[in-house]
Protein backbone atom coordinates (compact mmCIF):
# COMPACT_ATOMS: atom_id res chain seq x y z
CA MET A 1 117.91 68.40 -100.66
CA SER A 2 114.31 69.57 -100.48
CA ASN A 3 113.67 73.31 -100.77
CA GLU A 4 110.25 73.03 -99.17
CA PRO A 5 109.89 75.02 -95.95
CA GLU A 6 109.70 73.06 -92.74
CA ILE A 7 106.17 72.97 -91.37
CA THR A 8 105.81 73.15 -87.61
CA GLU A 9 102.46 72.78 -85.96
CA LYS A 10 101.61 75.50 -83.48
CA PRO A 11 99.87 74.08 -80.42
CA SER A 12 96.20 75.00 -80.35
CA LEU A 13 95.18 77.60 -77.79
CA ASN A 14 92.24 77.40 -75.44
CA PHE A 15 89.84 80.35 -75.48
CA ILE A 16 91.45 81.95 -72.39
CA GLU A 17 94.87 81.87 -74.05
CA GLU A 18 93.32 83.42 -77.17
CA ILE A 19 91.99 86.31 -75.06
CA ILE A 20 95.37 86.79 -73.38
CA GLU A 21 97.21 86.74 -76.70
CA GLU A 22 94.80 89.31 -78.11
CA HIS A 23 95.39 91.52 -75.07
CA ASN A 24 99.14 91.14 -75.47
CA ALA A 25 98.92 91.99 -79.17
CA THR A 26 96.93 95.17 -78.50
CA GLY A 27 99.04 96.23 -75.54
CA LYS A 28 96.27 95.89 -72.98
CA TYR A 29 97.85 95.53 -69.52
CA ALA A 30 101.17 96.37 -71.18
CA GLY A 31 101.67 92.75 -72.20
CA LYS A 32 101.59 91.56 -68.58
CA VAL A 33 99.85 88.44 -67.34
CA HIS A 34 99.10 88.27 -63.63
CA THR A 35 96.60 85.66 -62.42
CA ARG A 36 95.49 84.49 -58.99
CA PHE A 37 94.05 81.43 -57.31
CA PRO A 38 91.52 82.66 -54.72
CA PRO A 39 90.18 79.83 -52.51
CA GLU A 40 87.88 80.31 -49.54
CA PRO A 41 89.49 78.74 -46.44
CA ASN A 42 86.25 77.01 -45.43
CA GLY A 43 87.19 73.44 -46.33
CA TYR A 44 89.78 71.32 -48.10
CA LEU A 45 90.41 71.69 -51.83
CA HIS A 46 89.07 69.04 -54.21
CA ILE A 47 89.88 67.86 -57.73
CA GLY A 48 87.84 70.73 -59.21
CA HIS A 49 90.08 73.23 -57.45
CA ALA A 50 93.09 71.34 -58.79
CA LYS A 51 91.95 72.17 -62.32
CA SER A 52 91.73 75.87 -61.41
CA ILE A 53 95.13 75.78 -59.68
CA CYS A 54 96.74 74.21 -62.75
CA LEU A 55 95.06 76.72 -65.07
CA ASN A 56 96.02 79.86 -63.16
CA PHE A 57 99.59 78.87 -62.37
CA THR A 58 100.39 77.43 -65.80
CA LEU A 59 99.05 80.57 -67.50
CA GLY A 60 101.38 82.62 -65.32
CA GLN A 61 104.28 80.36 -66.27
CA LYS A 62 103.45 80.23 -69.98
CA TYR A 63 103.35 84.01 -70.37
CA ASN A 64 106.28 84.76 -68.05
CA GLY A 65 103.84 86.31 -65.63
CA LEU A 66 102.89 85.93 -61.99
CA THR A 67 100.27 84.07 -60.01
CA ASN A 68 99.10 85.01 -56.53
CA LEU A 69 97.64 82.76 -53.88
CA ARG A 70 94.88 84.75 -52.23
CA PHE A 71 92.54 83.53 -49.51
CA ASP A 72 89.02 84.91 -49.71
CA ASP A 73 88.55 84.98 -45.93
CA THR A 74 85.45 87.16 -45.71
CA ASN A 75 83.21 84.72 -43.80
CA PRO A 76 84.78 84.12 -40.37
CA ALA A 77 81.97 81.82 -39.25
CA ALA A 78 83.13 79.09 -41.66
CA GLU A 79 86.88 79.66 -41.91
CA GLU A 80 89.78 78.11 -40.02
CA ALA A 81 93.57 78.34 -40.02
CA GLU A 82 93.61 74.55 -40.58
CA TYR A 83 92.05 75.07 -44.00
CA VAL A 84 94.60 77.74 -44.91
CA GLU A 85 97.45 75.35 -44.09
CA ALA A 86 95.82 72.50 -46.01
CA ILE A 87 95.33 74.68 -49.10
CA GLU A 88 98.96 75.81 -49.07
CA ARG A 89 100.09 72.20 -48.71
CA ASP A 90 97.92 71.10 -51.65
CA VAL A 91 99.10 73.86 -54.00
CA ARG A 92 102.75 73.09 -53.22
CA TRP A 93 102.19 69.36 -53.65
CA LEU A 94 100.72 69.96 -57.10
CA GLY A 95 104.05 71.55 -58.00
CA PHE A 96 103.28 75.27 -57.90
CA SER A 97 104.77 78.18 -55.98
CA TRP A 98 103.40 81.63 -55.21
CA ASP A 99 106.81 82.86 -53.96
CA ASP A 100 106.12 85.91 -51.75
CA ARG A 101 102.68 86.55 -53.21
CA LYS A 102 100.42 85.05 -50.54
CA PHE A 103 97.59 87.40 -49.71
CA PHE A 104 94.31 87.43 -47.82
CA ALA A 105 91.19 89.46 -48.44
CA SER A 106 91.52 90.34 -44.77
CA ASP A 107 94.77 92.17 -45.66
CA TYR A 108 92.51 94.69 -47.38
CA PHE A 109 89.69 95.08 -44.84
CA ASP A 110 90.62 98.70 -44.09
CA LYS A 111 90.84 99.53 -47.81
CA LEU A 112 87.59 97.73 -48.57
CA TYR A 113 85.84 99.64 -45.82
CA ALA A 114 87.20 102.90 -47.25
CA TYR A 115 85.92 101.92 -50.71
CA ALA A 116 82.48 101.22 -49.24
CA VAL A 117 82.51 104.66 -47.59
CA GLN A 118 83.46 106.15 -50.97
CA LEU A 119 80.44 104.48 -52.60
CA ILE A 120 78.18 105.92 -49.90
CA LYS A 121 79.62 109.39 -50.49
CA LEU A 122 79.02 108.97 -54.23
CA GLY A 123 75.39 108.19 -53.48
CA LYS A 124 75.93 104.65 -54.79
CA ALA A 125 75.37 102.67 -51.57
CA TYR A 126 72.90 102.79 -48.68
CA ILE A 127 72.05 101.06 -45.42
CA ASP A 128 68.96 98.87 -45.67
CA ASP A 129 67.07 97.92 -42.49
CA GLN A 130 64.91 95.33 -44.21
CA THR A 131 65.28 91.71 -43.16
CA GLN A 132 66.89 89.22 -45.50
CA GLU A 133 63.45 87.77 -46.22
CA GLU A 134 62.04 91.18 -47.09
CA ILE A 135 64.97 91.95 -49.39
CA SER A 136 64.52 88.60 -51.16
CA GLN A 137 60.79 89.19 -51.59
CA THR A 138 61.29 92.65 -53.11
CA ARG A 139 64.02 91.68 -55.61
CA GLY A 140 61.46 90.47 -58.15
CA ASN A 141 62.28 87.79 -60.69
CA THR A 142 63.28 87.42 -64.33
CA PHE A 143 59.81 88.63 -65.40
CA THR A 144 59.13 91.27 -62.73
CA ALA A 145 61.19 94.26 -61.67
CA GLY A 146 62.19 94.54 -58.04
CA LYS A 147 60.81 97.06 -55.55
CA GLU A 148 63.01 99.79 -54.22
CA SER A 149 63.76 99.62 -50.51
CA PRO A 150 62.02 102.23 -48.35
CA TYR A 151 65.51 103.05 -47.05
CA ARG A 152 67.04 103.52 -50.51
CA ASN A 153 66.94 107.31 -50.42
CA ARG A 154 68.56 107.89 -47.06
CA THR A 155 70.95 110.80 -47.05
CA VAL A 156 74.68 110.32 -47.44
CA GLU A 157 75.18 111.57 -43.89
CA GLU A 158 72.67 109.11 -42.43
CA ASN A 159 74.20 106.20 -44.35
CA LEU A 160 77.72 107.11 -43.22
CA ALA A 161 76.63 107.34 -39.59
CA LEU A 162 74.80 104.00 -39.74
CA PHE A 163 77.70 102.29 -41.50
CA GLU A 164 80.08 103.49 -38.79
CA ARG A 165 77.73 102.14 -36.13
CA MET A 166 77.63 98.80 -37.97
CA ARG A 167 81.41 98.73 -37.88
CA ALA A 168 81.41 99.54 -34.15
CA GLY A 169 79.23 96.51 -33.45
CA GLU A 170 76.18 98.39 -32.23
CA PHE A 171 73.69 96.28 -34.17
CA PRO A 172 72.84 92.57 -33.99
CA GLU A 173 73.41 90.30 -36.98
CA GLY A 174 70.69 90.70 -39.60
CA LYS A 175 69.64 94.17 -38.40
CA CYS A 176 70.86 95.87 -41.55
CA VAL A 177 73.15 95.56 -44.57
CA LEU A 178 74.98 97.92 -46.89
CA ARG A 179 73.60 97.62 -50.42
CA ALA A 180 74.97 99.03 -53.67
CA LYS A 181 72.50 101.39 -55.33
CA ILE A 182 72.32 100.22 -58.94
CA ASP A 183 69.04 99.30 -60.68
CA MET A 184 66.12 97.37 -59.17
CA ALA A 185 64.72 96.84 -62.68
CA SER A 186 67.89 95.38 -64.18
CA PRO A 187 67.41 92.13 -66.09
CA ASN A 188 70.54 90.92 -64.25
CA MET A 189 69.41 90.01 -60.74
CA HIS A 190 72.92 90.62 -59.41
CA LEU A 191 72.57 94.32 -60.22
CA ARG A 192 69.37 94.76 -58.22
CA ASP A 193 71.00 96.58 -55.33
CA PRO A 194 73.15 93.68 -54.08
CA ALA A 195 74.35 93.57 -50.49
CA ILE A 196 78.04 94.43 -50.23
CA TYR A 197 78.53 94.40 -46.44
CA ARG A 198 76.80 92.43 -43.67
CA ILE A 199 77.09 92.21 -39.90
CA LYS A 200 78.87 89.16 -38.43
CA HIS A 201 79.90 88.97 -34.77
CA ALA A 202 82.38 86.14 -35.28
CA GLU A 203 86.03 85.70 -34.38
CA HIS A 204 88.16 85.95 -37.52
CA HIS A 205 91.11 83.56 -37.80
CA ARG A 206 93.44 86.48 -38.62
CA THR A 207 91.85 89.72 -37.42
CA GLY A 208 90.25 88.43 -34.23
CA ASP A 209 87.32 90.57 -33.06
CA LYS A 210 88.46 93.80 -34.72
CA TRP A 211 85.63 93.73 -37.26
CA HIS A 212 81.89 93.32 -36.82
CA ILE A 213 81.13 93.78 -40.50
CA TYR A 214 82.52 91.82 -43.44
CA PRO A 215 82.40 92.45 -47.19
CA MET A 216 80.42 90.15 -49.44
CA TYR A 217 82.35 88.04 -51.94
CA ASP A 218 81.42 90.10 -55.01
CA PHE A 219 82.64 93.30 -53.37
CA ALA A 220 85.85 91.91 -51.89
CA HIS A 221 86.81 89.82 -54.91
CA CYS A 222 86.92 92.47 -57.60
CA LEU A 223 88.63 95.03 -55.36
CA SER A 224 91.23 92.51 -54.17
CA ASP A 225 91.98 91.76 -57.84
CA SER A 226 92.31 95.48 -58.48
CA ILE A 227 94.56 96.12 -55.47
CA GLU A 228 96.91 93.27 -56.48
CA GLY A 229 97.14 94.37 -60.12
CA ILE A 230 95.64 91.14 -61.46
CA THR A 231 95.27 91.27 -65.24
CA HIS A 232 93.09 88.22 -65.88
CA SER A 233 90.67 87.20 -63.14
CA ILE A 234 89.73 83.66 -64.11
CA CYS A 235 86.54 82.32 -62.53
CA THR A 236 84.23 79.38 -63.02
CA LEU A 237 81.18 79.73 -65.22
CA GLU A 238 78.65 80.49 -62.48
CA PHE A 239 80.34 83.87 -62.03
CA GLU A 240 79.57 84.98 -65.59
CA VAL A 241 76.37 86.71 -64.43
CA HIS A 242 78.39 88.41 -61.66
CA ARG A 243 80.77 90.04 -64.15
CA PRO A 244 78.61 93.18 -64.72
CA LEU A 245 78.69 93.78 -60.95
CA TYR A 246 82.46 93.16 -60.90
CA ASP A 247 82.88 95.82 -63.57
CA TRP A 248 80.31 98.23 -62.05
CA ILE A 249 82.07 98.35 -58.67
CA LEU A 250 85.49 99.03 -60.19
CA GLU A 251 84.23 101.55 -62.75
CA THR A 252 82.10 103.41 -60.19
CA LEU A 253 85.06 103.73 -57.84
CA GLY A 254 87.34 104.69 -60.73
CA VAL A 255 90.01 102.12 -59.94
CA TYR A 256 92.08 99.73 -62.04
CA ARG A 257 89.96 97.02 -63.70
CA PRO A 258 91.18 93.50 -64.49
CA GLN A 259 89.42 91.34 -67.08
CA GLN A 260 87.20 88.66 -65.59
CA ILE A 261 87.03 85.49 -67.72
CA GLU A 262 84.82 82.50 -66.96
CA PHE A 263 85.41 78.84 -67.78
CA ALA A 264 83.45 75.66 -67.11
CA ARG A 265 84.09 74.11 -63.72
CA LEU A 266 85.11 70.48 -63.43
CA ASN A 267 82.25 68.04 -62.86
CA LEU A 268 82.99 64.34 -62.34
CA ASN A 269 80.48 61.52 -62.38
CA TYR A 270 80.14 59.32 -59.27
CA THR A 271 81.42 62.30 -57.28
CA VAL A 272 80.14 65.11 -55.07
CA MET A 273 82.06 68.38 -55.49
CA SER A 274 80.14 70.66 -53.13
CA LYS A 275 82.31 71.65 -50.16
CA ARG A 276 79.18 71.87 -48.06
CA LYS A 277 78.31 68.25 -48.85
CA LEU A 278 81.88 67.08 -48.39
CA LEU A 279 81.88 68.76 -44.98
CA GLN A 280 78.63 66.93 -44.22
CA LEU A 281 80.32 63.60 -44.99
CA VAL A 282 83.16 64.51 -42.63
CA ASN A 283 80.98 65.84 -39.81
CA GLU A 284 78.60 62.88 -39.93
CA LYS A 285 81.60 60.51 -39.91
CA LEU A 286 80.52 58.84 -43.13
CA VAL A 287 84.21 59.09 -44.08
CA SER A 288 87.26 59.17 -41.84
CA GLY A 289 88.07 62.81 -42.58
CA TRP A 290 88.87 65.30 -45.34
CA ASP A 291 91.80 63.09 -46.39
CA ASP A 292 89.79 59.87 -46.55
CA PRO A 293 91.08 58.15 -49.72
CA ARG A 294 87.51 57.91 -51.04
CA MET A 295 87.09 61.69 -50.98
CA PRO A 296 87.70 63.78 -54.13
CA THR A 297 89.82 66.18 -52.07
CA ILE A 298 93.42 66.71 -53.11
CA SER A 299 94.52 65.46 -49.69
CA GLY A 300 92.35 62.35 -50.12
CA LEU A 301 93.76 61.66 -53.57
CA ARG A 302 97.30 62.17 -52.25
CA ARG A 303 96.72 59.72 -49.39
CA ARG A 304 95.22 57.22 -51.81
CA GLY A 305 98.40 57.31 -53.89
CA TYR A 306 97.63 59.75 -56.68
CA THR A 307 100.58 61.73 -57.99
CA PRO A 308 100.71 65.44 -58.81
CA GLU A 309 101.92 64.53 -62.30
CA ALA A 310 98.78 62.46 -62.90
CA ILE A 311 96.46 65.21 -61.68
CA ARG A 312 98.21 67.85 -63.80
CA ASN A 313 97.96 65.55 -66.82
CA PHE A 314 94.27 65.01 -66.07
CA ALA A 315 93.69 68.77 -65.97
CA THR A 316 95.40 69.07 -69.36
CA LYS A 317 93.35 66.27 -70.91
CA VAL A 318 90.08 67.71 -69.60
CA GLY A 319 90.91 71.04 -71.22
CA ILE A 320 89.28 74.43 -70.79
CA ALA A 321 85.69 74.74 -71.97
CA LYS A 322 83.04 77.45 -72.08
CA ARG A 323 80.17 75.13 -71.29
CA ASP A 324 79.58 72.86 -68.32
CA ASN A 325 79.92 69.15 -68.91
CA VAL A 326 80.50 66.01 -66.88
CA ILE A 327 83.84 64.19 -67.12
CA ASP A 328 83.96 60.43 -66.68
CA ILE A 329 85.97 59.59 -63.56
CA SER A 330 87.60 56.76 -65.51
CA LEU A 331 89.70 59.43 -67.27
CA LEU A 332 91.17 60.46 -63.91
CA GLU A 333 91.83 56.80 -63.10
CA PHE A 334 93.45 56.31 -66.51
CA CYS A 335 95.82 59.21 -65.84
CA ILE A 336 97.02 57.75 -62.54
CA ARG A 337 97.42 54.27 -64.05
CA GLU A 338 99.40 55.72 -66.93
CA HIS A 339 101.83 57.50 -64.62
CA LEU A 340 102.21 54.78 -61.98
CA ASN A 341 102.85 52.19 -64.70
CA LYS A 342 105.98 54.13 -65.62
CA VAL A 343 107.35 54.76 -62.13
CA CYS A 344 106.21 52.00 -59.77
CA THR A 345 108.27 49.01 -58.64
CA ARG A 346 106.43 45.72 -59.12
CA ILE A 347 106.27 43.66 -55.96
CA MET A 348 104.56 40.38 -55.10
CA ALA A 349 101.67 40.43 -52.66
CA VAL A 350 98.99 37.87 -51.87
CA LEU A 351 95.75 39.30 -50.54
CA ASN A 352 93.66 36.11 -50.14
CA PRO A 353 96.23 33.38 -49.51
CA ILE A 354 96.16 29.65 -49.96
CA LYS A 355 99.14 27.58 -48.81
CA VAL A 356 101.27 25.70 -51.33
CA VAL A 357 103.83 23.11 -50.24
CA ILE A 358 106.42 22.16 -52.87
CA THR A 359 107.04 18.65 -51.67
CA ASN A 360 110.20 17.94 -53.70
CA TYR A 361 111.91 21.22 -52.77
CA PRO A 362 114.50 20.76 -50.00
CA GLU A 363 113.32 21.71 -46.50
CA GLY A 364 115.21 24.66 -45.02
CA LYS A 365 116.53 25.79 -48.41
CA THR A 366 116.09 29.42 -49.54
CA GLU A 367 116.97 30.82 -52.94
CA ASN A 368 117.16 34.52 -53.67
CA LEU A 369 115.80 34.82 -57.18
CA PRO A 370 116.27 37.92 -59.34
CA THR A 371 113.16 39.74 -60.55
CA GLU A 372 112.68 42.95 -62.51
CA ASN A 373 111.60 46.11 -60.71
CA ASN A 374 109.72 47.71 -63.59
CA PRO A 375 109.67 46.42 -67.18
CA GLU A 376 108.56 49.90 -68.34
CA ASP A 377 111.75 51.50 -67.01
CA GLU A 378 115.02 50.15 -68.40
CA ASN A 379 116.94 51.90 -65.61
CA ALA A 380 114.86 50.40 -62.78
CA GLY A 381 117.15 47.39 -62.37
CA THR A 382 116.36 44.19 -60.50
CA ARG A 383 116.08 42.92 -56.93
CA THR A 384 115.94 39.45 -55.41
CA VAL A 385 112.98 37.73 -53.78
CA PRO A 386 113.34 34.75 -51.42
CA PHE A 387 111.93 31.41 -52.57
CA SER A 388 111.35 28.42 -50.28
CA ARG A 389 109.48 25.11 -49.93
CA GLU A 390 106.25 26.73 -48.65
CA ILE A 391 104.65 29.66 -50.42
CA TRP A 392 101.41 31.62 -50.53
CA ILE A 393 99.43 32.05 -53.73
CA GLU A 394 96.09 33.78 -54.37
CA GLN A 395 92.97 31.69 -53.85
CA ASP A 396 91.76 32.92 -57.25
CA ASP A 397 94.83 31.38 -58.86
CA PHE A 398 93.60 27.84 -58.21
CA MET A 399 90.39 26.14 -59.38
CA GLU A 400 89.40 22.49 -59.01
CA ASN A 401 86.93 22.67 -61.89
CA PRO A 402 88.16 25.45 -64.14
CA PRO A 403 86.19 26.91 -67.04
CA LYS A 404 87.57 26.92 -70.55
CA GLY A 405 90.34 29.46 -70.96
CA TYR A 406 91.52 29.27 -67.33
CA PHE A 407 95.32 29.13 -67.44
CA ARG A 408 96.21 29.23 -63.77
CA LEU A 409 96.77 26.31 -61.38
CA THR A 410 94.47 23.26 -61.51
CA PRO A 411 94.65 19.65 -60.25
CA ASN A 412 97.47 17.96 -62.20
CA GLY A 413 97.95 21.24 -64.08
CA MET A 414 101.11 23.30 -64.40
CA VAL A 415 101.78 26.99 -63.98
CA ARG A 416 104.87 29.18 -63.76
CA LEU A 417 105.62 31.06 -60.57
CA LYS A 418 106.69 34.60 -61.48
CA SER A 419 110.53 34.82 -61.66
CA ALA A 420 110.79 31.26 -60.25
CA TYR A 421 109.91 27.70 -61.31
CA ILE A 422 107.16 25.80 -63.04
CA ILE A 423 105.10 23.84 -60.52
CA GLN A 424 102.50 21.09 -60.88
CA CYS A 425 99.60 20.52 -58.49
CA ASN A 426 99.50 16.90 -57.31
CA GLU A 427 97.17 16.93 -54.31
CA VAL A 428 94.39 19.14 -52.92
CA VAL A 429 94.10 19.04 -49.11
CA LYS A 430 90.75 19.92 -47.54
CA ASP A 431 89.35 20.29 -44.03
CA ALA A 432 86.31 18.47 -42.60
CA ASN A 433 84.01 21.06 -44.19
CA GLY A 434 85.44 20.59 -47.64
CA ASN A 435 87.40 23.85 -47.67
CA ILE A 436 90.77 23.79 -49.42
CA THR A 437 93.54 24.34 -46.88
CA GLN A 438 96.65 23.36 -48.83
CA LEU A 439 97.96 22.42 -52.24
CA ASN A 440 100.78 19.92 -52.50
CA CYS A 441 102.85 20.54 -55.61
CA THR A 442 106.15 19.58 -57.18
CA TYR A 443 108.53 21.88 -58.98
CA ILE A 444 110.40 21.24 -62.22
CA GLU A 445 114.01 21.69 -61.17
CA ASN A 446 115.42 22.82 -64.53
CA SER A 447 112.60 25.31 -65.18
CA LYS A 448 113.99 28.28 -63.26
CA SER A 449 113.02 31.55 -64.88
CA GLY A 450 115.82 32.82 -67.12
CA GLU A 451 117.57 29.43 -67.02
CA ASP A 452 114.73 27.15 -68.19
CA THR A 453 115.93 24.07 -70.07
CA SER A 454 112.86 21.93 -69.33
CA GLY A 455 111.27 22.46 -72.72
CA LEU A 456 107.86 22.77 -71.02
CA LYS A 457 105.41 25.39 -72.27
CA VAL A 458 102.86 26.74 -69.81
CA LYS A 459 100.44 29.59 -70.47
CA GLY A 460 99.81 30.76 -66.92
CA VAL A 461 102.11 32.89 -64.73
CA ILE A 462 101.09 33.64 -61.14
CA HIS A 463 102.62 35.61 -58.29
CA TRP A 464 103.55 34.18 -54.91
CA VAL A 465 105.21 34.98 -51.58
CA SER A 466 107.50 32.77 -49.50
CA ILE A 467 105.72 31.91 -46.25
CA ALA A 468 108.95 31.94 -44.21
CA HIS A 469 109.79 35.46 -45.38
CA ALA A 470 106.36 37.08 -45.81
CA VAL A 471 105.60 40.44 -44.25
CA GLU A 472 102.02 40.92 -43.12
CA ALA A 473 100.13 44.12 -43.86
CA GLU A 474 96.65 45.55 -43.64
CA VAL A 475 95.40 46.33 -47.13
CA ARG A 476 92.50 48.71 -47.71
CA LEU A 477 90.66 48.24 -50.98
CA TYR A 478 88.96 51.51 -51.87
CA ASP A 479 86.25 51.83 -54.46
CA ARG A 480 84.07 54.71 -55.61
CA LEU A 481 82.21 56.40 -52.78
CA PHE A 482 78.91 56.62 -54.66
CA THR A 483 77.00 54.12 -56.76
CA ASP A 484 75.09 56.73 -58.77
CA GLU A 485 76.59 58.76 -61.62
CA ALA A 486 75.05 61.97 -60.25
CA PRO A 487 74.58 61.40 -56.51
CA ASP A 488 73.57 65.01 -55.86
CA GLY A 489 71.46 65.34 -59.00
CA HIS A 490 68.20 63.97 -57.58
CA GLU A 491 65.74 66.54 -56.25
CA ASP A 492 63.73 63.91 -54.38
CA LYS A 493 66.64 62.04 -52.80
CA ASP A 494 69.47 62.82 -50.42
CA PHE A 495 72.89 62.32 -52.01
CA LYS A 496 73.89 60.16 -49.04
CA GLU A 497 71.40 57.50 -50.15
CA PHE A 498 73.85 56.63 -52.92
CA ILE A 499 76.88 55.97 -50.73
CA ASN A 500 78.51 52.75 -51.86
CA PRO A 501 78.41 50.23 -48.97
CA ASN A 502 81.39 48.45 -50.54
CA SER A 503 83.56 51.54 -50.95
CA LEU A 504 86.03 50.15 -48.41
CA THR A 505 87.08 46.53 -47.86
CA VAL A 506 89.81 45.80 -45.32
CA ILE A 507 92.11 42.78 -45.65
CA PRO A 508 93.81 42.53 -42.23
CA ASN A 509 96.62 40.06 -42.99
CA ALA A 510 97.80 40.23 -46.56
CA LYS A 511 101.13 38.53 -47.31
CA LEU A 512 103.82 40.63 -48.98
CA GLU A 513 107.39 40.05 -50.07
CA PRO A 514 109.96 41.35 -47.53
CA SER A 515 111.36 44.13 -49.74
CA ILE A 516 108.47 46.39 -48.71
CA ALA A 517 109.08 46.12 -44.95
CA ASN A 518 110.56 49.60 -44.54
CA LEU A 519 108.70 51.61 -47.17
CA PRO A 520 107.78 55.12 -45.95
CA ALA A 521 104.25 56.55 -45.95
CA GLY A 522 103.29 57.76 -49.41
CA GLU A 523 105.48 55.27 -51.29
CA ARG A 524 103.68 53.75 -54.27
CA VAL A 525 104.13 50.26 -55.70
CA GLN A 526 102.35 47.88 -58.02
CA PHE A 527 101.14 44.65 -56.48
CA GLN A 528 101.68 42.41 -59.47
CA ARG A 529 98.45 41.49 -61.23
CA LEU A 530 96.40 43.24 -58.50
CA GLY A 531 96.77 46.99 -58.91
CA TYR A 532 98.63 50.04 -57.62
CA PHE A 533 98.97 50.58 -53.89
CA CYS A 534 100.31 53.26 -51.57
CA VAL A 535 101.68 53.07 -48.02
CA ASP A 536 99.10 54.82 -45.83
CA THR A 537 99.85 57.44 -43.20
CA ASP A 538 98.48 55.01 -40.58
CA SER A 539 101.47 52.73 -41.14
CA THR A 540 103.90 52.17 -38.30
CA LYS A 541 107.06 50.11 -37.99
CA ASP A 542 104.96 47.41 -36.34
CA LYS A 543 102.04 47.50 -38.75
CA LEU A 544 102.14 48.21 -42.45
CA VAL A 545 99.00 49.65 -44.05
CA PHE A 546 98.49 49.90 -47.81
CA ASN A 547 95.74 51.68 -49.74
CA ARG A 548 94.70 50.55 -53.19
CA THR A 549 95.11 53.55 -55.46
CA VAL A 550 93.56 52.03 -58.56
CA GLY A 551 93.24 48.64 -60.22
CA LEU A 552 95.22 47.62 -63.26
CA LYS A 553 92.06 47.89 -65.38
CA ASP A 554 88.79 49.75 -65.18
CA SER A 555 86.89 46.89 -63.56
CA TRP A 556 84.15 49.23 -62.31
CA ALA A 557 83.05 50.13 -65.83
CA LYS A 558 82.88 46.45 -66.74
CA GLU A 559 80.75 45.70 -63.68
CA GLN A 560 78.28 48.49 -64.54
CA LYS A 561 77.78 47.06 -68.05
CA LYS A 562 76.80 43.61 -66.76
């Protein structure tokens, strides 16, 4: 017996986990970990948000902590209850729960107002009557200090009175703002007296018309974190320059301060991740809606057939970085292929059919032939598929003048029908225009799959569907929405110029085996040799609709290299 100690590899930590473990080791936050996912309810979540959801909730799980779901609903002009419901649905679908910890920034509007009043009383905030343009012009730049507002030295009493009048709705939008009084010469532009409250006469989806003023994101975010006892406020990298303001507000008010940590957001090629641009696609009807299967939204990916397991695995593979980079979308497609390969039943479907008549097979006869459900899953079992004299095969599976290395059906050639017999093509029937309308073939009777005693060796295996038993379905073949790797990365061009005109192809009457007749919406299957498909929400009992989730191989990458 060896006396050498057993060596176990400790999983490597990302830099956020390293910070948390250091905090736990030093007793900061008393060893607690409490994160939050804080979306704005002004649109549907996309794959970039999925990465943040996975990060925040898995950190809470890993360190036996908590994770809140908090809606940053501070801009009533852009927010809707529909978006709140969609966000909740997406987080649950990804496999995470916030239990009873669902909060809204609007829960804290009274407290936030009181904190703003406290800043005014401390001489750290003032009402500025300058226009937005004037404020922008006097902020300076990275080389020039900003100019102090002529209203910067108003008295505490005057500021309090004006702020109360703002709250009462006495002023029109844009008349004035509440600004923090920090340092107009700071090298950090976010510390040059940023606005922390503005006037908005808009109906709020939760508070109605109670408020005429709303806190800015930087003010509401840090204080909401503080109120909820968040320990680690994890943000994307663009908020790194906001962190000094985050800390200044909390320190000036003398309240509990979480640790803000920034990580690189998810950027995918061939994709637009701006909610504003995604909304533009929806509003201009360039897609069918937020859940269009071509959209990078979580609801779009779900409708297309993506699984939460695949998206969580993708988030893990991408990892947590400190610097922005662009991830190849083929990695996301690999993750869904990898998962669906393990769990999907293989069925036979013919998208572009050509009729085959097996002339020596008895008319009226039907055999129910066994076929495997999933060779990757030993517990998946088998089912039977009906076989008859007339079948459909794919047009691509027959060629009159095949190139070298073509192993499918040819004149006088043989091929095996998946889970059935070997057939030989004897006659090609054409119409007056020379188009192939039918193939007349014969089958080798003792070549049945699993019972083959014919001694024949054929290289090609093709799928098929019995004409007498076929179920028709509409099949939607989705491809990438954009043809350019960085559709919104061109200063001189509109991102919509790169929309892929072939991002959707509809096949109205595909022929499928009858086992799929009653599949519910959302069910995923593999069409053998064609790809992974999902029953669409448009399906009815009278009309089946399938979406292509992803092909069996990354054919897009191959096409781009040609």
